[in-house]
Amino acid sequence: MIVRLAREQDFAGFLALAAQVEHWFGPMVEDPGFHRAVRKHIRRSTALVAVSPDADVLGGLLFGAKAPVHHVHWLVVSEQERGKGTGRALMREALARCVRGPGTIEVVTFGADHPGAVAGGSRAFYRRLGFHPAEAAAPGPEGGSRQVYRRAVP
């Protein structure tokens, strides 16, 4: 697996990842706003992909690199790659490329009662990376609960 900056030709891979998680996040594949966000992050070099040796997109990350509060806007790993270190590799690369301390990194993830919290493992994933649960966030587009997770950057 290789983690690198996303390119315009990776756009279809982002849509394929989005299709796997729309039941948790709400509609994205046909959403022009999601398309614009992905393309904007690609142009700004704040979109990363993890690709297989065959160039299949295994995971994608959209990162807000504006200090002092950085944001993980979107991080998805394909169903067959979850639990294999792909998400961790994407985060490691984002931190190396974009984060300069002191500051914080924030991500809005599923609330404890959301089905995606257990099935997708996002809350446990972010805790393993040193994030801590913080305040509740507005519900997601599908109506499910959300929570901010935060990590200090020295």
N, C-alpha and C. Protein backbone atom coordinates (compact mmCIF):
# COMPACT_ATOMS: atom_id res chain seq x y z
N MET A 1 0.84 -1.18 0.00
CA MET A 1 0.00 0.00 0.00
C MET A 1 0.88 1.24 0.00
N ILE A 2 0.46 2.23 -0.78
CA ILE A 2 1.15 3.51 -0.86
C ILE A 2 0.16 4.60 -0.45
N VAL A 3 0.58 5.52 0.40
CA VAL A 3 -0.22 6.69 0.75
C VAL A 3 0.42 7.88 0.05
N ARG A 4 -0.41 8.61 -0.67
CA ARG A 4 0.10 9.75 -1.44
C ARG A 4 -0.97 10.82 -1.56
N LEU A 5 -0.57 11.98 -2.06
CA LEU A 5 -1.54 13.03 -2.36
C LEU A 5 -2.51 12.52 -3.42
N ALA A 6 -3.77 12.85 -3.26
CA ALA A 6 -4.78 12.46 -4.24
C ALA A 6 -4.62 13.30 -5.50
N ARG A 7 -5.00 12.70 -6.61
CA ARG A 7 -4.98 13.35 -7.93
C ARG A 7 -6.40 13.33 -8.48
N GLU A 8 -6.63 14.14 -9.48
CA GLU A 8 -7.97 14.19 -10.09
C GLU A 8 -8.43 12.80 -10.54
N GLN A 9 -7.52 11.98 -11.03
CA GLN A 9 -7.92 10.63 -11.48
C GLN A 9 -8.34 9.72 -10.33
N ASP A 10 -8.13 10.14 -9.08
CA ASP A 10 -8.57 9.37 -7.92
C ASP A 10 -10.02 9.69 -7.54
N PHE A 11 -10.63 10.67 -8.20
CA PHE A 11 -11.98 11.11 -7.85
C PHE A 11 -12.97 9.94 -7.85
N ALA A 12 -12.92 9.09 -8.85
CA ALA A 12 -13.83 7.94 -8.90
C ALA A 12 -13.63 7.02 -7.70
N GLY A 13 -12.40 6.90 -7.23
CA GLY A 13 -12.11 6.09 -6.05
C GLY A 13 -12.76 6.68 -4.80
N PHE A 14 -12.77 8.01 -4.69
CA PHE A 14 -13.46 8.66 -3.57
C PHE A 14 -14.95 8.35 -3.62
N LEU A 15 -15.53 8.39 -4.82
CA LEU A 15 -16.96 8.09 -4.95
C LEU A 15 -17.25 6.63 -4.61
N ALA A 16 -16.35 5.72 -4.99
CA ALA A 16 -16.54 4.31 -4.64
C ALA A 16 -16.50 4.11 -3.13
N LEU A 17 -15.59 4.81 -2.45
CA LEU A 17 -15.55 4.74 -0.99
C LEU A 17 -16.83 5.32 -0.39
N ALA A 18 -17.27 6.46 -0.92
CA ALA A 18 -18.48 7.10 -0.42
C ALA A 18 -19.68 6.17 -0.55
N ALA A 19 -19.76 5.42 -1.64
CA ALA A 19 -20.88 4.50 -1.85
C ALA A 19 -20.93 3.44 -0.75
N GLN A 20 -19.79 3.07 -0.21
CA GLN A 20 -19.75 2.05 0.84
C GLN A 20 -20.24 2.55 2.19
N VAL A 21 -20.27 3.87 2.38
CA VAL A 21 -20.61 4.41 3.71
C VAL A 21 -21.80 5.37 3.70
N GLU A 22 -22.48 5.50 2.58
CA GLU A 22 -23.62 6.43 2.52
C GLU A 22 -24.70 6.06 3.54
N HIS A 23 -24.85 4.80 3.85
CA HIS A 23 -25.87 4.41 4.83
C HIS A 23 -25.55 4.96 6.22
N TRP A 24 -24.29 5.34 6.47
CA TRP A 24 -23.90 5.93 7.74
C TRP A 24 -23.85 7.45 7.68
N PHE A 25 -23.39 7.99 6.55
CA PHE A 25 -23.14 9.42 6.43
C PHE A 25 -24.22 10.19 5.69
N GLY A 26 -25.10 9.51 5.00
CA GLY A 26 -26.06 10.19 4.14
C GLY A 26 -25.54 10.26 2.72
N PRO A 27 -26.37 10.74 1.80
CA PRO A 27 -26.01 10.76 0.37
C PRO A 27 -24.75 11.56 0.08
N MET A 28 -23.86 10.96 -0.69
CA MET A 28 -22.63 11.64 -1.12
C MET A 28 -22.34 11.41 -2.60
N VAL A 29 -22.55 10.21 -3.09
CA VAL A 29 -22.12 9.85 -4.45
C VAL A 29 -22.73 10.79 -5.49
N GLU A 30 -23.97 11.17 -5.32
CA GLU A 30 -24.63 12.07 -6.28
C GLU A 30 -24.68 13.51 -5.79
N ASP A 31 -24.05 13.80 -4.66
CA ASP A 31 -24.13 15.13 -4.06
C ASP A 31 -23.08 16.06 -4.66
N PRO A 32 -23.50 17.11 -5.38
CA PRO A 32 -22.54 18.06 -5.96
C PRO A 32 -21.65 18.72 -4.90
N GLY A 33 -22.17 18.93 -3.69
CA GLY A 33 -21.37 19.53 -2.62
C GLY A 33 -20.21 18.63 -2.23
N PHE A 34 -20.46 17.32 -2.16
CA PHE A 34 -19.38 16.38 -1.85
C PHE A 34 -18.36 16.37 -2.99
N HIS A 35 -18.83 16.39 -4.22
CA HIS A 35 -17.93 16.42 -5.38
C HIS A 35 -17.02 17.65 -5.31
N ARG A 36 -17.63 18.81 -5.03
CA ARG A 36 -16.84 20.05 -4.94
C ARG A 36 -15.81 19.96 -3.82
N ALA A 37 -16.23 19.42 -2.67
CA ALA A 37 -15.30 19.32 -1.54
C ALA A 37 -14.11 18.43 -1.87
N VAL A 38 -14.36 17.29 -2.49
CA VAL A 38 -13.26 16.38 -2.85
C VAL A 38 -12.31 17.08 -3.82
N ARG A 39 -12.88 17.68 -4.85
CA ARG A 39 -12.03 18.34 -5.86
C ARG A 39 -11.25 19.52 -5.27
N LYS A 40 -11.88 20.26 -4.36
CA LYS A 40 -11.19 21.39 -3.71
C LYS A 40 -10.00 20.87 -2.89
N HIS A 41 -10.21 19.80 -2.14
CA HIS A 41 -9.11 19.24 -1.35
C HIS A 41 -8.01 18.69 -2.25
N ILE A 42 -8.37 18.10 -3.36
CA ILE A 42 -7.34 17.62 -4.30
C ILE A 42 -6.51 18.79 -4.80
N ARG A 43 -7.18 19.88 -5.22
CA ARG A 43 -6.45 21.06 -5.73
C ARG A 43 -5.55 21.67 -4.66
N ARG A 44 -5.97 21.65 -3.40
CA ARG A 44 -5.21 22.26 -2.31
C ARG A 44 -4.15 21.33 -1.71
N SER A 45 -4.06 20.12 -2.24
CA SER A 45 -3.11 19.12 -1.72
C SER A 45 -3.41 18.78 -0.27
N THR A 46 -4.71 18.72 0.07
CA THR A 46 -5.13 18.29 1.40
C THR A 46 -6.03 17.06 1.32
N ALA A 47 -5.94 16.35 0.21
CA ALA A 47 -6.63 15.07 0.04
C ALA A 47 -5.55 14.00 -0.14
N LEU A 48 -5.70 12.93 0.61
CA LEU A 48 -4.75 11.81 0.52
C LEU A 48 -5.51 10.55 0.13
N VAL A 49 -4.81 9.64 -0.52
CA VAL A 49 -5.36 8.33 -0.82
C VAL A 49 -4.34 7.27 -0.43
N ALA A 50 -4.88 6.12 -0.04
CA ALA A 50 -4.07 4.92 0.13
C ALA A 50 -4.42 4.04 -1.07
N VAL A 51 -3.42 3.62 -1.82
CA VAL A 51 -3.67 2.84 -3.02
C VAL A 51 -2.94 1.51 -2.96
N SER A 52 -3.52 0.53 -3.62
CA SER A 52 -2.91 -0.79 -3.72
C SER A 52 -1.84 -0.74 -4.81
N PRO A 53 -1.03 -1.80 -4.93
CA PRO A 53 -0.06 -1.84 -6.02
C PRO A 53 -0.71 -1.75 -7.40
N ASP A 54 -2.00 -2.11 -7.49
CA ASP A 54 -2.75 -2.01 -8.75
C ASP A 54 -3.41 -0.65 -8.93
N ALA A 55 -3.14 0.28 -8.03
CA ALA A 55 -3.67 1.64 -8.04
C ALA A 55 -5.14 1.72 -7.65
N ASP A 56 -5.69 0.69 -7.01
CA ASP A 56 -7.05 0.77 -6.48
C ASP A 56 -7.03 1.65 -5.24
N VAL A 57 -8.01 2.53 -5.10
CA VAL A 57 -8.11 3.38 -3.93
C VAL A 57 -8.68 2.56 -2.78
N LEU A 58 -7.87 2.39 -1.73
CA LEU A 58 -8.24 1.61 -0.56
C LEU A 58 -8.80 2.48 0.57
N GLY A 59 -8.43 3.75 0.55
CA GLY A 59 -8.89 4.68 1.57
C GLY A 59 -8.64 6.10 1.12
N GLY A 60 -9.38 7.03 1.70
CA GLY A 60 -9.22 8.43 1.35
C GLY A 60 -9.42 9.31 2.57
N LEU A 61 -8.77 10.47 2.55
CA LEU A 61 -8.83 11.41 3.66
C LEU A 61 -8.87 12.83 3.11
N LEU A 62 -9.77 13.64 3.64
CA LEU A 62 -9.82 15.07 3.34
C LEU A 62 -9.46 15.79 4.63
N PHE A 63 -8.43 16.63 4.59
CA PHE A 63 -7.86 17.20 5.81
C PHE A 63 -7.88 18.72 5.73
N GLY A 64 -8.27 19.35 6.82
CA GLY A 64 -8.21 20.80 6.94
C GLY A 64 -6.91 21.20 7.61
N ALA A 65 -6.02 21.80 6.86
CA ALA A 65 -4.66 22.03 7.33
C ALA A 65 -4.43 23.43 7.89
N LYS A 66 -5.48 24.12 8.28
CA LYS A 66 -5.31 25.48 8.79
C LYS A 66 -5.09 25.47 10.30
N ALA A 67 -3.91 25.88 10.73
CA ALA A 67 -3.56 25.92 12.15
C ALA A 67 -4.28 27.07 12.82
N PRO A 68 -4.50 27.03 14.12
CA PRO A 68 -4.03 26.03 15.06
C PRO A 68 -5.01 24.86 15.25
N VAL A 69 -6.21 24.95 14.65
CA VAL A 69 -7.16 23.84 14.77
C VAL A 69 -7.28 23.16 13.42
N HIS A 70 -6.73 21.97 13.32
CA HIS A 70 -6.78 21.18 12.09
C HIS A 70 -8.02 20.29 12.14
N HIS A 71 -8.54 19.93 10.98
CA HIS A 71 -9.77 19.13 10.94
C HIS A 71 -9.62 17.93 10.01
N VAL A 72 -10.03 16.78 10.51
CA VAL A 72 -10.22 15.61 9.65
C VAL A 72 -11.64 15.75 9.13
N HIS A 73 -11.78 16.16 7.86
CA HIS A 73 -13.11 16.39 7.30
C HIS A 73 -13.78 15.09 6.87
N TRP A 74 -12.99 14.13 6.42
CA TRP A 74 -13.57 12.87 5.93
C TRP A 74 -12.46 11.85 5.86
N LEU A 75 -12.68 10.69 6.45
CA LEU A 75 -11.72 9.59 6.40
C LEU A 75 -12.51 8.30 6.24
N VAL A 76 -12.30 7.62 5.13
CA VAL A 76 -13.00 6.36 4.87
C VAL A 76 -11.99 5.35 4.32
N VAL A 77 -12.09 4.15 4.85
CA VAL A 77 -11.29 3.02 4.37
C VAL A 77 -12.26 1.99 3.81
N SER A 78 -11.91 1.40 2.69
CA SER A 78 -12.79 0.42 2.06
C SER A 78 -13.07 -0.74 3.01
N GLU A 79 -14.23 -1.33 2.85
CA GLU A 79 -14.66 -2.40 3.75
C GLU A 79 -13.62 -3.51 3.87
N GLN A 80 -13.03 -3.93 2.76
CA GLN A 80 -12.07 -5.04 2.80
C GLN A 80 -10.73 -4.68 3.41
N GLU A 81 -10.47 -3.37 3.59
CA GLU A 81 -9.18 -2.94 4.15
C GLU A 81 -9.25 -2.53 5.61
N ARG A 82 -10.44 -2.42 6.17
CA ARG A 82 -10.55 -1.97 7.56
C ARG A 82 -9.84 -2.93 8.50
N GLY A 83 -9.15 -2.35 9.47
CA GLY A 83 -8.43 -3.15 10.45
C GLY A 83 -7.04 -3.57 10.01
N LYS A 84 -6.57 -3.08 8.86
CA LYS A 84 -5.27 -3.47 8.33
C LYS A 84 -4.24 -2.35 8.38
N GLY A 85 -4.57 -1.24 9.04
CA GLY A 85 -3.61 -0.14 9.18
C GLY A 85 -3.73 0.96 8.13
N THR A 86 -4.69 0.85 7.23
CA THR A 86 -4.83 1.85 6.17
C THR A 86 -5.23 3.21 6.74
N GLY A 87 -6.21 3.24 7.63
CA GLY A 87 -6.62 4.50 8.24
C GLY A 87 -5.50 5.15 9.03
N ARG A 88 -4.78 4.33 9.77
CA ARG A 88 -3.64 4.83 10.55
C ARG A 88 -2.57 5.42 9.62
N ALA A 89 -2.32 4.76 8.50
CA ALA A 89 -1.32 5.26 7.54
C ALA A 89 -1.77 6.58 6.93
N LEU A 90 -3.04 6.71 6.62
CA LEU A 90 -3.56 7.98 6.08
C LEU A 90 -3.40 9.10 7.11
N MET A 91 -3.75 8.83 8.36
CA MET A 91 -3.60 9.85 9.40
C MET A 91 -2.14 10.22 9.63
N ARG A 92 -1.27 9.23 9.65
CA ARG A 92 0.16 9.50 9.85
C ARG A 92 0.68 10.44 8.75
N GLU A 93 0.29 10.17 7.51
CA GLU A 93 0.75 11.01 6.39
C GLU A 93 0.16 12.42 6.48
N ALA A 94 -1.11 12.53 6.84
CA ALA A 94 -1.73 13.86 6.99
C ALA A 94 -1.02 14.66 8.06
N LEU A 95 -0.73 14.03 9.18
CA LEU A 95 -0.04 14.73 10.27
C LEU A 95 1.35 15.18 9.84
N ALA A 96 2.06 14.30 9.15
CA ALA A 96 3.42 14.64 8.71
C ALA A 96 3.41 15.78 7.69
N ARG A 97 2.44 15.80 6.81
CA ARG A 97 2.39 16.81 5.75
C ARG A 97 1.81 18.15 6.22
N CYS A 98 0.83 18.10 7.09
CA CYS A 98 -0.01 19.28 7.31
C CYS A 98 0.00 19.88 8.71
N VAL A 99 0.44 19.16 9.71
CA VAL A 99 0.24 19.63 11.08
C VAL A 99 1.54 20.14 11.68
N ARG A 100 1.47 21.37 12.17
CA ARG A 100 2.56 21.97 12.93
C ARG A 100 1.95 22.48 14.22
N GLY A 101 2.52 22.12 15.35
CA GLY A 101 1.99 22.51 16.65
C GLY A 101 2.49 23.86 17.06
N PRO A 102 2.04 24.34 18.17
CA PRO A 102 1.01 23.73 19.00
C PRO A 102 -0.37 23.98 18.41
N GLY A 103 -1.29 23.12 18.77
CA GLY A 103 -2.66 23.25 18.28
C GLY A 103 -3.46 22.01 18.61
N THR A 104 -4.50 21.81 17.85
CA THR A 104 -5.35 20.63 18.04
C THR A 104 -5.78 20.08 16.69
N ILE A 105 -6.19 18.83 16.73
CA ILE A 105 -6.82 18.19 15.57
C ILE A 105 -8.20 17.77 16.03
N GLU A 106 -9.20 18.08 15.23
CA GLU A 106 -10.57 17.71 15.56
C GLU A 106 -11.18 16.88 14.44
N VAL A 107 -12.04 15.99 14.85
CA VAL A 107 -12.82 15.20 13.89
C VAL A 107 -14.21 15.05 14.48
N VAL A 108 -15.21 15.13 13.63
CA VAL A 108 -16.58 14.85 14.05
C VAL A 108 -16.87 13.43 13.59
N THR A 109 -17.16 12.58 14.55
CA THR A 109 -17.43 11.17 14.25
C THR A 109 -18.79 10.80 14.82
N PHE A 110 -19.14 9.55 14.71
CA PHE A 110 -20.44 9.08 15.15
C PHE A 110 -20.59 9.21 16.67
N GLY A 111 -21.81 9.50 17.10
CA GLY A 111 -22.12 9.45 18.52
C GLY A 111 -22.15 8.00 18.98
N ALA A 112 -22.09 7.80 20.28
CA ALA A 112 -22.01 6.45 20.84
C ALA A 112 -23.21 5.58 20.46
N ASP A 113 -24.37 6.19 20.22
CA ASP A 113 -25.56 5.40 19.89
C ASP A 113 -25.76 5.18 18.39
N HIS A 114 -24.86 5.68 17.56
CA HIS A 114 -24.99 5.53 16.10
C HIS A 114 -24.51 4.14 15.69
N PRO A 115 -25.24 3.45 14.80
CA PRO A 115 -24.82 2.12 14.36
C PRO A 115 -23.42 2.09 13.74
N GLY A 116 -23.02 3.17 13.07
CA GLY A 116 -21.70 3.23 12.47
C GLY A 116 -20.57 3.29 13.48
N ALA A 117 -20.89 3.69 14.71
CA ALA A 117 -19.86 3.80 15.75
C ALA A 117 -19.27 2.43 16.05
N VAL A 118 -20.10 1.41 16.06
CA VAL A 118 -19.64 0.06 16.35
C VAL A 118 -19.20 -0.63 15.06
N ALA A 119 -20.06 -0.62 14.05
CA ALA A 119 -19.78 -1.35 12.81
C ALA A 119 -18.53 -0.81 12.11
N GLY A 120 -18.37 0.51 12.10
CA GLY A 120 -17.23 1.11 11.43
C GLY A 120 -16.01 1.24 12.31
N GLY A 121 -16.21 1.21 13.63
CA GLY A 121 -15.10 1.28 14.56
C GLY A 121 -14.43 2.63 14.68
N SER A 122 -15.11 3.71 14.23
CA SER A 122 -14.45 5.02 14.18
C SER A 122 -14.08 5.55 15.56
N ARG A 123 -14.95 5.40 16.54
CA ARG A 123 -14.65 5.95 17.86
C ARG A 123 -13.41 5.26 18.46
N ALA A 124 -13.36 3.95 18.36
CA ALA A 124 -12.20 3.20 18.87
C ALA A 124 -10.95 3.56 18.07
N PHE A 125 -11.09 3.73 16.76
CA PHE A 125 -9.96 4.10 15.90
C PHE A 125 -9.35 5.42 16.37
N TYR A 126 -10.18 6.44 16.54
CA TYR A 126 -9.65 7.74 16.94
C TYR A 126 -9.07 7.71 18.35
N ARG A 127 -9.66 6.95 19.24
CA ARG A 127 -9.08 6.81 20.60
C ARG A 127 -7.68 6.20 20.52
N ARG A 128 -7.50 5.18 19.68
CA ARG A 128 -6.18 4.56 19.53
C ARG A 128 -5.15 5.55 19.00
N LEU A 129 -5.60 6.56 18.28
CA LEU A 129 -4.70 7.58 17.75
C LEU A 129 -4.50 8.76 18.70
N GLY A 130 -5.03 8.65 19.92
CA GLY A 130 -4.82 9.68 20.92
C GLY A 130 -5.89 10.75 20.98
N PHE A 131 -6.99 10.59 20.27
CA PHE A 131 -8.10 11.53 20.33
C PHE A 131 -8.95 11.21 21.56
N HIS A 132 -9.63 12.25 22.07
CA HIS A 132 -10.50 12.08 23.22
C HIS A 132 -11.88 12.64 22.89
N PRO A 133 -12.93 11.97 23.37
CA PRO A 133 -14.28 12.49 23.12
C PRO A 133 -14.45 13.87 23.74
N ALA A 134 -15.14 14.74 23.02
CA ALA A 134 -15.41 16.10 23.49
C ALA A 134 -16.92 16.33 23.39
N GLU A 135 -17.31 17.52 22.99
CA GLU A 135 -18.71 17.89 22.97
C GLU A 135 -19.49 17.18 21.84
N ALA A 136 -20.80 17.15 22.02
CA ALA A 136 -21.69 16.64 20.97
C ALA A 136 -21.65 17.61 19.79
N ALA A 137 -21.88 17.07 18.61
CA ALA A 137 -21.95 17.89 17.40
C ALA A 137 -23.35 17.77 16.81
N ALA A 138 -23.65 18.60 15.84
CA ALA A 138 -24.96 18.54 15.18
C ALA A 138 -25.15 17.17 14.54
N PRO A 139 -26.37 16.70 14.46
CA PRO A 139 -26.62 15.40 13.81
C PRO A 139 -26.14 15.41 12.36
N GLY A 140 -25.81 14.21 11.86
CA GLY A 140 -25.39 14.07 10.48
C GLY A 140 -26.56 14.21 9.53
N PRO A 141 -26.29 14.26 8.22
CA PRO A 141 -27.35 14.45 7.23
C PRO A 141 -28.40 13.33 7.23
N GLU A 142 -28.00 12.16 7.72
CA GLU A 142 -28.94 11.05 7.80
C GLU A 142 -29.72 11.08 9.10
N GLY A 143 -29.41 12.05 9.99
CA GLY A 143 -30.12 12.21 11.25
C GLY A 143 -29.45 11.57 12.45
N GLY A 144 -28.35 10.86 12.24
CA GLY A 144 -27.67 10.17 13.34
C GLY A 144 -26.82 11.10 14.19
N SER A 145 -26.57 10.66 15.42
CA SER A 145 -25.81 11.48 16.35
C SER A 145 -24.34 11.58 15.95
N ARG A 146 -23.71 12.68 16.36
CA ARG A 146 -22.30 12.94 16.09
C ARG A 146 -21.64 13.48 17.35
N GLN A 147 -20.30 13.28 17.42
CA GLN A 147 -19.53 13.79 18.53
C GLN A 147 -18.16 14.24 18.04
N VAL A 148 -17.68 15.33 18.63
CA VAL A 148 -16.33 15.82 18.32
C VAL A 148 -15.34 14.99 19.11
N TYR A 149 -14.26 14.61 18.43
CA TYR A 149 -13.10 14.00 19.09
C TYR A 149 -11.94 14.95 18.84
N ARG A 150 -11.09 15.11 19.85
CA ARG A 150 -10.03 16.13 19.78
C ARG A 150 -8.72 15.53 20.26
N ARG A 151 -7.64 16.00 19.67
CA ARG A 151 -6.29 15.59 20.06
C ARG A 151 -5.39 16.81 20.08
N ALA A 152 -4.61 16.95 21.12
CA ALA A 152 -3.65 18.05 21.20
C ALA A 152 -2.44 17.75 20.33
N VAL A 153 -1.88 18.82 19.76
CA VAL A 153 -0.64 18.71 18.99
C VAL A 153 0.38 19.58 19.71
N PRO A 154 1.44 18.95 20.25
CA PRO A 154 2.45 19.75 20.98
C PRO A 154 3.24 20.66 20.07
